[in-house]
């Protein structure tokens, strides 16, 4: 029998939190593609396009650090609603601005707000899962985390497609206004229907406590940084530009391809608990640090294989499609294990702080990958980006070997 919910309304709040997270993620994915392709078609170089996202990633780091502290003091509901509100402002800045305002400094400012919004919402949503999941049921925690994370990536994939489609059909600014309406609707719904609070406010929480003193979380955060740098160093700028310029795909075709990949990636993440069920039944616990290390070493084979195949003049479309599928499956499983482990390592009273610190490292990896994606592609091409990805995955795998073999026993799912 499943463990009872912690309190009345927890499942309702989980659904509302997930829905709000979906709306923000949809808008975030769509706006990212819109900004990337809109400014690339205006004549910006790949490196210049990458700089548009610098503040997005940098303020994501700051938000995860400060946001965890704010959530500890004021509660997760306040940071969740703040994230949605800031996203509305960011979208409005691009949707309603005069055309002559759409220059690099202004767009970087809007992307800074978008980065703050995305990470406030993500940190709040993922921390809330720990608080509303049935207590003493780690298998359920793994499932709920996997569903939230996997569905998020599927929705982000839909956002990529939506962004490319809206840019083709209605143009940049009208698309931003449509996304604003979606996020505003989610905010009103959550604010109206959510019951009680998410977690307990601790006005005595100290900012210095935001830096984790838990070895497992520190090691996991370091591995997470390099894992996500390995993805974004070729996925954020290099791959979309390559699809558009080298393979001559249209905006909506490139957006659709990236969308299908991210949706599939999300589906693998959401189904990760089933993948680990058999081993859980055999050994009495689910994924461990060793699981993360093994998956990372396996992952390293794919960017290297894609780079070698492109250098050997194999059909680039076939190489990228097959290579991305393989990379996405293993990366999704690895990321799902990470997302579970950070909550398994965290204690209830410090979950927001621990998750905030962990996702600060996550954002640091995205920042590193984003900067290098534009710079390395401009100077070394897609193959250079793939070799950087290979190196980053190996670093993540090596760091993951320092994680403990196990932490909490997880009963096999019934």
Protein backbone atom coordinates (compact mmCIF):
# COMPACT_ATOMS: atom_id res chain seq x y z
CA UNK A 1 0.00 0.00 0.00
CA UNK A 2 1.28 3.47 -0.83
CA UNK A 3 2.38 5.66 2.01
CA UNK A 4 -0.20 8.27 2.99
CA UNK A 5 0.18 11.79 1.76
CA UNK A 6 1.78 14.11 4.23
CA UNK A 7 -1.31 16.30 4.58
CA UNK A 8 -4.64 17.12 2.94
CA UNK A 9 -4.21 18.91 -0.37
CA UNK A 10 -0.61 17.88 -1.05
CA UNK A 11 -1.48 16.06 -4.27
CA UNK A 12 -3.56 19.05 -5.39
CA UNK A 13 -0.62 21.36 -4.74
CA UNK A 14 1.73 18.99 -6.59
CA UNK A 15 -0.52 19.20 -9.66
CA UNK A 16 -0.70 23.00 -9.46
CA UNK A 17 3.05 23.34 -8.96
CA UNK A 18 3.68 21.05 -11.92
CA UNK A 19 1.21 22.97 -14.10
CA UNK A 20 2.82 26.30 -13.24
CA UNK A 21 6.24 24.84 -13.97
CA UNK A 22 5.00 23.55 -17.32
CA UNK A 23 3.66 26.96 -18.35
CA UNK A 24 6.89 28.71 -17.43
CA UNK A 25 8.96 26.02 -19.17
CA UNK A 26 6.87 26.24 -22.36
CA UNK A 27 7.35 29.99 -22.50
CA UNK A 28 11.05 29.71 -21.65
CA UNK A 29 11.76 27.16 -24.39
CA UNK A 30 9.79 29.07 -27.01
CA UNK A 31 11.34 32.44 -26.16
CA UNK A 32 14.84 30.96 -26.30
CA UNK A 33 14.35 29.74 -29.87
CA UNK A 34 12.66 33.02 -30.81
CA UNK A 35 15.56 35.11 -29.53
CA UNK A 36 18.20 32.82 -31.06
CA UNK A 37 16.78 32.73 -34.58
CA UNK A 38 15.38 36.28 -34.66
CA UNK A 39 18.76 37.81 -33.92
CA UNK A 40 20.72 35.35 -36.03
CA UNK A 41 18.63 36.28 -39.07
CA UNK A 42 19.38 39.95 -38.31
CA UNK A 43 23.05 39.17 -38.99
CA UNK A 44 24.45 38.49 -35.52
CA UNK A 45 27.37 36.01 -35.40
CA UNK A 46 27.05 32.76 -33.38
CA UNK A 47 29.22 34.25 -30.62
CA UNK A 48 27.13 37.44 -30.54
CA UNK A 49 23.96 35.38 -30.30
CA UNK A 50 25.50 33.43 -27.42
CA UNK A 51 26.22 36.68 -25.57
CA UNK A 52 22.49 37.44 -25.55
CA UNK A 53 22.08 34.50 -23.16
CA UNK A 54 25.00 35.37 -20.86
CA UNK A 55 22.86 37.28 -18.36
CA UNK A 56 20.18 34.58 -18.61
CA UNK A 57 22.64 31.98 -17.37
CA UNK A 58 24.58 34.23 -14.99
CA UNK A 59 21.47 35.41 -13.18
CA UNK A 60 20.32 31.81 -13.05
CA UNK A 61 23.38 31.12 -10.89
CA UNK A 62 22.62 34.09 -8.63
CA UNK A 63 18.94 33.16 -8.42
CA UNK A 64 19.59 29.60 -7.34
CA UNK A 65 21.89 30.85 -4.59
CA UNK A 66 19.73 33.72 -3.32
CA UNK A 67 16.43 32.04 -4.21
CA UNK A 68 17.09 29.10 -1.93
CA UNK A 69 17.75 31.49 0.94
CA UNK A 70 14.62 33.54 0.18
CA UNK A 71 12.52 30.36 -0.07
CA UNK A 72 13.86 29.22 3.30
CA UNK A 73 12.80 32.53 4.87
CA UNK A 74 9.50 33.17 3.09
CA UNK A 75 8.38 29.76 1.83
CA UNK A 76 8.35 28.15 -1.60
CA UNK A 77 4.99 29.58 -2.63
CA UNK A 78 6.40 33.11 -2.59
CA UNK A 79 9.35 32.19 -4.81
CA UNK A 80 7.15 30.19 -7.20
CA UNK A 81 4.74 33.08 -7.72
CA UNK A 82 7.61 35.56 -7.94
CA UNK A 83 9.21 33.47 -10.68
CA UNK A 84 6.04 33.45 -12.76
CA UNK A 85 5.57 37.20 -12.26
CA UNK A 86 9.12 38.01 -13.34
CA UNK A 87 8.68 35.84 -16.45
CA UNK A 88 5.64 37.92 -17.39
CA UNK A 89 7.73 41.10 -17.11
CA UNK A 90 10.55 39.59 -19.21
CA UNK A 91 8.18 38.53 -21.99
CA UNK A 92 6.43 41.90 -21.90
CA UNK A 93 9.75 43.70 -22.35
CA UNK A 94 10.24 41.96 -25.69
CA UNK A 95 6.61 41.78 -26.75
CA UNK A 96 5.65 45.44 -26.26
CA UNK A 97 8.96 47.26 -26.85
CA UNK A 98 9.40 49.57 -29.87
CA UNK A 99 11.40 47.88 -32.60
CA UNK A 100 14.41 50.16 -32.14
CA UNK A 101 14.73 48.99 -28.51
CA UNK A 102 15.51 45.42 -29.58
CA UNK A 103 19.28 45.77 -29.35
CA UNK A 104 21.83 43.73 -27.40
CA UNK A 105 21.81 45.55 -24.01
CA UNK A 106 18.01 45.65 -23.82
CA UNK A 107 17.60 42.02 -24.86
CA UNK A 108 20.30 40.95 -22.39
CA UNK A 109 18.35 42.73 -19.63
CA UNK A 110 15.16 40.91 -20.58
CA UNK A 111 17.04 37.62 -20.69
CA UNK A 112 18.45 38.33 -17.22
CA UNK A 113 14.88 38.57 -15.91
CA UNK A 114 13.91 35.43 -17.84
CA UNK A 115 16.82 33.55 -16.25
CA UNK A 116 15.76 34.74 -12.79
CA UNK A 117 12.18 33.68 -13.48
CA UNK A 118 13.06 30.25 -14.84
CA UNK A 119 15.31 29.31 -11.95
CA UNK A 120 13.00 30.69 -9.25
CA UNK A 121 10.20 28.57 -10.68
CA UNK A 122 12.38 25.47 -11.13
CA UNK A 123 13.94 25.65 -7.68
CA UNK A 124 10.52 26.16 -6.07
CA UNK A 125 8.86 23.35 -8.01
CA UNK A 126 11.55 20.73 -7.45
CA UNK A 127 11.90 21.59 -3.77
CA UNK A 128 8.13 21.37 -3.34
CA UNK A 129 8.15 17.77 -4.57
CA UNK A 130 10.26 16.75 -1.57
CA UNK A 131 7.71 18.37 0.74
CA UNK A 132 4.51 16.99 -0.81
CA UNK A 133 5.69 13.46 -1.70
CA UNK A 134 4.55 10.69 0.67
CA UNK A 135 6.91 10.57 3.62
CA UNK A 136 9.24 7.56 3.99
CA UNK A 137 8.58 6.44 0.42
CA UNK A 138 11.77 7.06 -1.53
CA UNK A 139 10.53 5.09 -4.55
CA UNK A 140 7.59 7.49 -4.81
CA UNK A 141 9.96 10.45 -4.46
CA UNK A 142 12.04 9.11 -7.37
CA UNK A 143 8.89 8.67 -9.48
CA UNK A 144 7.53 12.14 -8.72
CA UNK A 145 10.89 13.81 -9.38
CA UNK A 146 11.27 11.88 -12.63
CA UNK A 147 7.76 12.82 -13.78
CA UNK A 148 8.29 16.50 -12.97
CA UNK A 149 11.74 16.63 -14.58
CA UNK A 150 10.84 14.48 -17.57
CA UNK A 151 7.60 16.30 -18.28
CA UNK A 152 9.45 19.60 -17.97
CA UNK A 153 11.81 18.62 -20.76
CA UNK A 154 8.96 17.36 -22.92
CA UNK A 155 7.19 20.69 -22.46
CA UNK A 156 10.43 22.54 -23.20
CA UNK A 157 10.62 20.58 -26.44
CA UNK A 158 7.11 21.68 -27.33
CA UNK A 159 8.30 25.20 -26.55
CA UNK A 160 11.15 24.89 -29.07
CA UNK A 161 8.68 23.85 -31.76
CA UNK A 162 6.20 26.55 -30.73
CA UNK A 163 8.92 29.20 -30.86
CA UNK A 164 10.00 28.26 -34.38
CA UNK A 165 6.39 28.02 -35.54
CA UNK A 166 5.33 31.34 -34.01
CA UNK A 167 8.36 33.11 -35.51
CA UNK A 168 7.28 31.83 -38.93
CA UNK A 169 3.55 32.56 -38.52
CA UNK A 170 3.14 35.70 -36.40
CA UNK A 171 6.59 37.20 -35.91
CA UNK A 172 8.82 37.83 -32.92
CA UNK A 173 6.86 40.32 -30.83
CA UNK A 174 3.39 38.84 -31.26
CA UNK A 175 4.84 35.47 -30.28
CA UNK A 176 6.18 36.97 -27.04
CA UNK A 177 2.75 38.39 -26.18
CA UNK A 178 1.13 34.98 -26.72
CA UNK A 179 3.66 33.42 -24.35
CA UNK A 180 2.97 36.16 -21.78
CA UNK A 181 -0.73 35.27 -21.78
CA UNK A 182 0.09 31.59 -21.16
CA UNK A 183 2.28 32.34 -18.12
CA UNK A 184 -0.19 34.88 -16.71
CA UNK A 185 -2.98 32.30 -16.93
CA UNK A 186 -0.88 29.78 -15.01
CA UNK A 187 -0.08 32.33 -12.29
CA UNK A 188 -3.73 33.25 -11.79
CA UNK A 189 -4.78 29.58 -11.67
CA UNK A 190 -2.11 28.60 -9.14
CA UNK A 191 -2.71 31.64 -6.94
CA UNK A 192 -6.45 30.96 -6.90
CA UNK A 193 -6.47 27.20 -6.31
CA UNK A 194 -3.35 26.41 -4.27
CA UNK A 195 -4.11 25.43 -0.67
CA UNK A 196 -1.95 26.33 2.32
CA UNK A 197 1.76 26.94 2.02
CA UNK A 198 4.69 25.04 0.55
CA UNK A 199 7.10 24.37 3.37
CA UNK A 200 7.66 26.35 6.54
CA UNK A 201 9.18 29.81 6.50
CA UNK A 202 12.31 30.16 8.61
CA UNK A 203 13.01 33.84 9.16
CA UNK A 204 16.22 32.89 10.94
CA UNK A 205 17.77 31.22 7.88
CA UNK A 206 21.27 32.61 7.32
CA UNK A 207 22.67 33.37 3.88
CA UNK A 208 25.94 31.59 4.69
CA UNK A 209 23.93 28.38 5.07
CA UNK A 210 23.22 28.46 1.31
CA UNK A 211 26.67 27.02 0.64
CA UNK A 212 26.26 23.31 1.22
CA UNK A 213 28.39 21.68 3.90
CA UNK A 214 27.25 18.22 2.78
CA UNK A 215 30.01 16.40 0.92
CA UNK A 216 27.61 14.38 -1.25
CA UNK A 217 25.78 17.48 -2.46
CA UNK A 218 29.02 19.36 -3.14
CA UNK A 219 30.37 16.48 -5.24
CA UNK A 220 27.05 16.03 -7.03
CA UNK A 221 26.91 19.77 -7.79
CA UNK A 222 30.40 19.67 -9.33
CA UNK A 223 29.46 16.70 -11.50
CA UNK A 224 26.22 18.44 -12.50
CA UNK A 225 28.13 21.53 -13.64
CA UNK A 226 30.25 19.60 -16.13
CA UNK A 227 27.39 17.33 -17.20
CA UNK A 228 25.26 20.27 -18.32
CA UNK A 229 28.21 22.11 -19.83
CA UNK A 230 28.73 18.98 -21.97
CA UNK A 231 25.21 19.29 -23.36
CA UNK A 232 24.97 23.03 -23.84
CA UNK A 233 28.41 23.47 -25.42
CA UNK A 234 26.96 22.05 -28.63
CA UNK A 235 23.20 22.15 -28.16
CA UNK A 236 22.46 25.79 -27.25
CA UNK A 237 23.92 27.76 -30.17
CA UNK A 238 26.11 25.48 -32.29
CA UNK A 239 23.53 22.85 -33.25
CA UNK A 240 20.63 25.23 -34.10
CA UNK A 241 22.94 27.41 -36.20
CA UNK A 242 24.43 24.34 -37.92
CA UNK A 243 20.96 23.05 -38.79
CA UNK A 244 19.98 26.43 -40.24
CA UNK A 245 23.17 27.34 -42.12
CA UNK A 246 24.93 24.09 -43.04
CA UNK A 247 21.94 21.78 -43.49
CA UNK A 248 19.74 24.69 -44.71
CA UNK A 249 16.72 23.80 -42.56
CA UNK A 250 13.93 26.33 -42.07
CA UNK A 251 13.20 27.87 -38.66
CA UNK A 252 10.22 25.62 -38.03
CA UNK A 253 12.05 22.49 -39.24
CA UNK A 254 14.99 23.15 -36.92
CA UNK A 255 12.60 24.01 -34.08
CA UNK A 256 10.60 20.85 -34.70
CA UNK A 257 13.72 18.67 -34.71
CA UNK A 258 15.01 20.15 -31.46
CA UNK A 259 11.51 19.82 -30.02
CA UNK A 260 11.24 16.13 -30.89
CA UNK A 261 14.65 15.50 -29.33
CA UNK A 262 13.83 17.33 -26.10
CA UNK A 263 10.38 15.69 -25.87
CA UNK A 264 11.97 12.26 -26.28
CA UNK A 265 14.63 13.22 -23.76
CA UNK A 266 11.89 14.19 -21.32
CA UNK A 267 10.02 10.96 -21.91
CA UNK A 268 13.13 8.96 -21.05
CA UNK A 269 13.59 10.99 -17.86
CA UNK A 270 9.98 10.45 -16.84
CA UNK A 271 10.31 6.69 -17.39
CA UNK A 272 13.67 6.45 -15.58
CA UNK A 273 12.14 4.79 -12.46
CA UNK A 274 10.92 1.87 -14.60
CA UNK A 275 14.40 1.51 -16.05
CA UNK A 276 15.84 1.14 -12.55
CA UNK A 277 13.00 -0.99 -11.11
CA UNK A 278 14.61 -4.38 -11.72
CA UNK A 279 17.89 -3.41 -10.10
CA UNK A 280 16.00 -1.77 -7.21
CA UNK A 281 14.25 -5.08 -6.55
CA UNK A 282 17.56 -6.96 -6.62
CA UNK A 283 19.68 -4.72 -4.39
CA UNK A 284 17.03 -3.04 -2.23
CA UNK A 285 17.78 0.52 -3.32
CA UNK A 286 17.56 2.68 -6.40
CA UNK A 287 20.17 4.78 -8.20
CA UNK A 288 23.40 5.63 -6.37
CA UNK A 289 26.50 7.67 -7.05
CA UNK A 290 27.98 4.70 -8.87
CA UNK A 291 24.97 4.73 -11.23
CA UNK A 292 25.70 8.37 -12.11
CA UNK A 293 29.38 7.63 -12.79
CA UNK A 294 28.69 4.63 -15.04
CA UNK A 295 26.11 6.53 -17.08
CA UNK A 296 28.49 9.47 -17.52
CA UNK A 297 31.33 7.28 -18.80
CA UNK A 298 28.89 5.69 -21.27
CA UNK A 299 27.66 9.12 -22.34
CA UNK A 300 31.18 10.24 -23.31
CA UNK A 301 31.21 7.82 -26.24
CA UNK A 302 28.50 9.67 -28.15
CA UNK A 303 29.85 13.21 -28.70
CA UNK A 304 33.19 11.63 -29.64
CA UNK A 305 31.46 9.24 -32.04
CA UNK A 306 29.45 12.04 -33.66
CA UNK A 307 32.58 14.19 -34.09
CA UNK A 308 34.55 11.33 -35.67
CA UNK A 309 31.65 10.50 -38.02
CA UNK A 310 31.29 14.12 -39.17
CA UNK A 311 35.06 14.33 -39.78
CA UNK A 312 34.83 11.14 -41.87
CA UNK A 313 32.22 12.81 -44.13
CA UNK A 314 29.32 10.55 -43.26
CA UNK A 315 25.87 11.99 -44.00
CA UNK A 316 25.64 14.78 -41.37
CA UNK A 317 21.86 14.59 -41.11
CA UNK A 318 21.91 10.86 -40.37
CA UNK A 319 24.86 11.20 -37.98
CA UNK A 320 23.22 14.00 -36.00
CA UNK A 321 19.80 12.35 -35.81
CA UNK A 322 21.12 8.97 -34.64
CA UNK A 323 23.82 10.50 -32.46
CA UNK A 324 21.39 12.86 -30.75
CA UNK A 325 18.97 10.02 -30.02
CA UNK A 326 21.69 7.96 -28.34
CA UNK A 327 23.16 10.95 -26.49
CA UNK A 328 19.70 12.05 -25.34
CA UNK A 329 18.73 8.66 -23.90
CA UNK A 330 21.87 8.28 -21.77
CA UNK A 331 21.98 11.96 -20.79
CA UNK A 332 18.34 11.84 -19.68
CA UNK A 333 18.93 8.80 -17.47
CA UNK A 334 22.02 10.43 -15.97
CA UNK A 335 20.17 13.69 -15.29
CA UNK A 336 17.23 11.83 -13.71
CA UNK A 337 19.61 10.06 -11.34
CA UNK A 338 21.15 13.43 -10.38
CA UNK A 339 17.72 14.99 -9.77
CA UNK A 340 16.78 12.12 -7.48
CA UNK A 341 20.09 12.02 -5.60
CA UNK A 342 20.04 15.69 -4.61
CA UNK A 343 16.65 15.22 -2.93
CA UNK A 344 17.68 11.91 -1.38
CA UNK A 345 20.77 13.56 0.11
CA UNK A 346 18.85 16.64 1.35
CA UNK A 347 16.98 16.84 4.64
CA UNK A 348 13.47 18.31 4.78
CA UNK A 349 14.47 21.39 6.74
CA UNK A 350 17.24 22.30 4.29
CA UNK A 351 15.79 21.06 1.00
CA UNK A 352 15.31 24.52 -0.57
CA UNK A 353 18.84 25.56 0.37
CA UNK A 354 20.39 22.30 -0.86
CA UNK A 355 18.42 22.31 -4.11
CA UNK A 356 19.22 25.99 -4.67
CA UNK A 357 22.95 25.35 -4.25
CA UNK A 358 22.80 22.29 -6.51
CA UNK A 359 20.97 24.12 -9.29
CA UNK A 360 23.36 27.04 -8.92
CA UNK A 361 26.03 24.60 -10.12
CA UNK A 362 23.61 23.43 -12.83
CA UNK A 363 23.25 27.03 -14.03
CA UNK A 364 27.03 27.45 -13.89
CA UNK A 365 27.37 24.53 -16.28
CA UNK A 366 24.80 26.04 -18.63
CA UNK A 367 26.64 29.38 -18.54
CA UNK A 368 29.96 27.72 -19.36
CA UNK A 369 28.36 25.67 -22.13
CA UNK A 370 26.48 28.63 -23.61
CA UNK A 371 29.53 30.88 -23.85
CA UNK A 372 31.64 28.13 -25.37
CA UNK A 373 28.86 27.01 -27.72
CA UNK A 374 28.98 30.30 -29.62
CA UNK A 375 32.72 30.90 -29.34
CA UNK A 376 33.93 27.39 -30.16
CA UNK A 377 31.44 27.00 -33.02
CA UNK A 378 32.56 30.27 -34.58
CA UNK A 379 36.23 29.24 -34.45
CA UNK A 380 36.25 25.42 -34.55
CA UNK A 381 32.83 24.45 -35.90
CA UNK A 382 30.42 21.83 -34.59
CA UNK A 383 33.14 19.17 -34.34
CA UNK A 384 35.12 21.37 -31.97
CA UNK A 385 32.04 21.78 -29.78
CA UNK A 386 31.57 18.01 -29.70
CA UNK A 387 35.14 17.42 -28.51
CA UNK A 388 34.61 19.95 -25.73
CA UNK A 389 31.45 18.02 -24.84
CA UNK A 390 33.42 14.77 -24.70
CA UNK A 391 35.98 16.31 -22.32
CA UNK A 392 33.30 17.76 -20.03
CA UNK A 393 31.47 14.42 -19.78
CA UNK A 394 34.69 12.68 -18.77
CA UNK A 395 35.23 15.26 -16.02
CA UNK A 396 31.64 14.75 -14.79
CA UNK A 397 32.12 10.98 -14.78
CA UNK A 398 35.37 11.21 -12.83
CA UNK A 399 33.83 13.50 -10.21
CA UNK A 400 30.80 11.19 -9.89
CA UNK A 401 33.10 8.37 -8.81
CA UNK A 402 33.52 10.24 -5.50
CA UNK A 403 29.80 9.96 -4.74
CA UNK A 404 28.81 7.32 -2.15
CA UNK A 405 27.69 3.92 -3.38
CA UNK A 406 24.37 4.32 -1.59
CA UNK A 407 22.53 6.65 0.74
CA UNK A 408 18.98 5.75 1.65
CA UNK A 409 17.40 2.36 0.97
CA UNK A 410 14.61 2.61 -1.54
CA UNK A 411 11.98 -0.09 -1.52
CA UNK A 412 11.34 -1.61 -4.90
CA UNK A 413 8.19 -0.16 -6.50
CA UNK A 414 5.15 -2.35 -6.06
